[in-house]
Amino acid sequence: MKRFSFLLAVLFVCGLQGLSAQGPIDGYMKGKGIVDFAFTYSTESFNTYLFGKERQSIFNKTQTLSLFATGGLTNSVDFVVSVPYIWTDSLNRNFQDAIVAIKFLNGERESAHGKWSLITALGLSFPMSNYRTDTERPIGQKAIVFQPRLLAQYQDQSGLFTMFQSGIDFRISPSDQLSFPFIWRVGYAGRKIYVDAWLDILKTLDPGVDTSIQAGSGSDWYKAGGTVYVPFGKSFGVFVSGAVYLGGRNIGLAQRLNAGFVWRKQ
């Protein structure tokens, strides 16, 4: 199922809050010399914002265009790069926080029915522009975050798979903070279609209470979503996906819709 390794491009959609959790790391490796590019449009909106856990009726809409690339440096080492452009209105629009990461295949174990994979990733997110954070609806926190991850995945020969991922987000700017992401995904990766469903949880130590929408002391969240991808040949495919925030702190209870295409260079 290596052809579906470029589905991680689908899984990265950089919403304002989702950048460091759902993230660009999946359970597949590229293979040496193979590079995938993904172009994604995303729209996210909410009518309720949680300042701490206090609900307030506030509307906000965010749109994103993102370019994503990932490729195999060797058969067991991949690089990952993502650049998002985000806007909320005519004044709040700019390149937001990029991610660069390296993935390492620690090992694989095959059985009669499938394969286990263990992957480590080291990522760094950082602001791509000098966007403003002192507005009522900033596009981000202008944070620098170190993101180590450990991922385990089981892929059945039928195409069914399950994956669990966790790690730590070390935010070193604008202030120190620790967060812990937990992601569980199940799905099916076949030759003619890919589908998945996932649950994403982020817990932040001492998140505080926001003083402005989406740029406060830190967030907790629970969100769920899914993806459908259809390939057209070996080098091109299209996808749609969606997500909903179920609860948390310092977070908009948003719904998100994503669409895009993936192109493979090999």
Foldseek 3Di string as FASTA:
>chain_A
DQLCPCCLVVQDDDAQFCDQFSHSDDQHANAAPKKKKWWKKKKKWFQWFFQFNDIDGDIWMKIKIKIKMKHDNHRFKMKIKMWMWMDGDPQATGIFKMKIKMKGWPDKDDDPWWIKTKMKMKMWIAGPDPTDPPDQDHSYQRWIKIWIKIKMKIATPQFKIKMWMKTWIFTPPPHTWIKIKIKIKIWGDDPFKTKIKMKIWMDIDCQHGAPHQSHRSDKTWIKMKMKMKGADPSFKIKIKMKMFTDGIHSGGRMIMIMIIMMGMDD
